[in-house]
Amino acid sequence: PVSFERISRVSVKKGIMASSYVEDLLHPNEEHVHKKKMLVQGPKNSYFMDVRCGGCLSISTVFSHATTVVVCSGCATALCTPQGGKAKLTEGSSFRKKVD
C-alpha cells in the first residue's frame, strides 16, 4: 500500500501543493473536524456575554445569537436586536465574553 508521505512527495515533484495531502487520518486536528464529528459536539461561534447597559450601567447576560430583543431590567431599553445570525448590540452598550 502507498503511504500518504509517498503521495505527498510525488505530488511535490509534479508541482501540486503538498499541504493539502499531508495530514494524519488516524489523529485528526480538532479545529478542522466537522462539528457533528467531534467527540464533544457544541457550537463553535456562539457564546454567552455580559452586556452593560449604556443608560443605567447594569449588567445582563445575553446569548450571542439571541433571536429575540433583549431588554435591560433596570431601565427597559433594548440591549440587542436579532439580525438573522449574531445579535446586534445597540449603541452605548458594551460587552465581554463570559468565562466558563
Foldseek 3Di string as FASTA:
>chain_A
DDDLVNVLVVCVVVPHDSVVSDADPVDHDQVPDDQVPDPDHDDDPKAWKWKAAQPPRDTDIDIQQDAAFDADPPPGHTQWHHDPGGTHGDPRMDIDTDDD
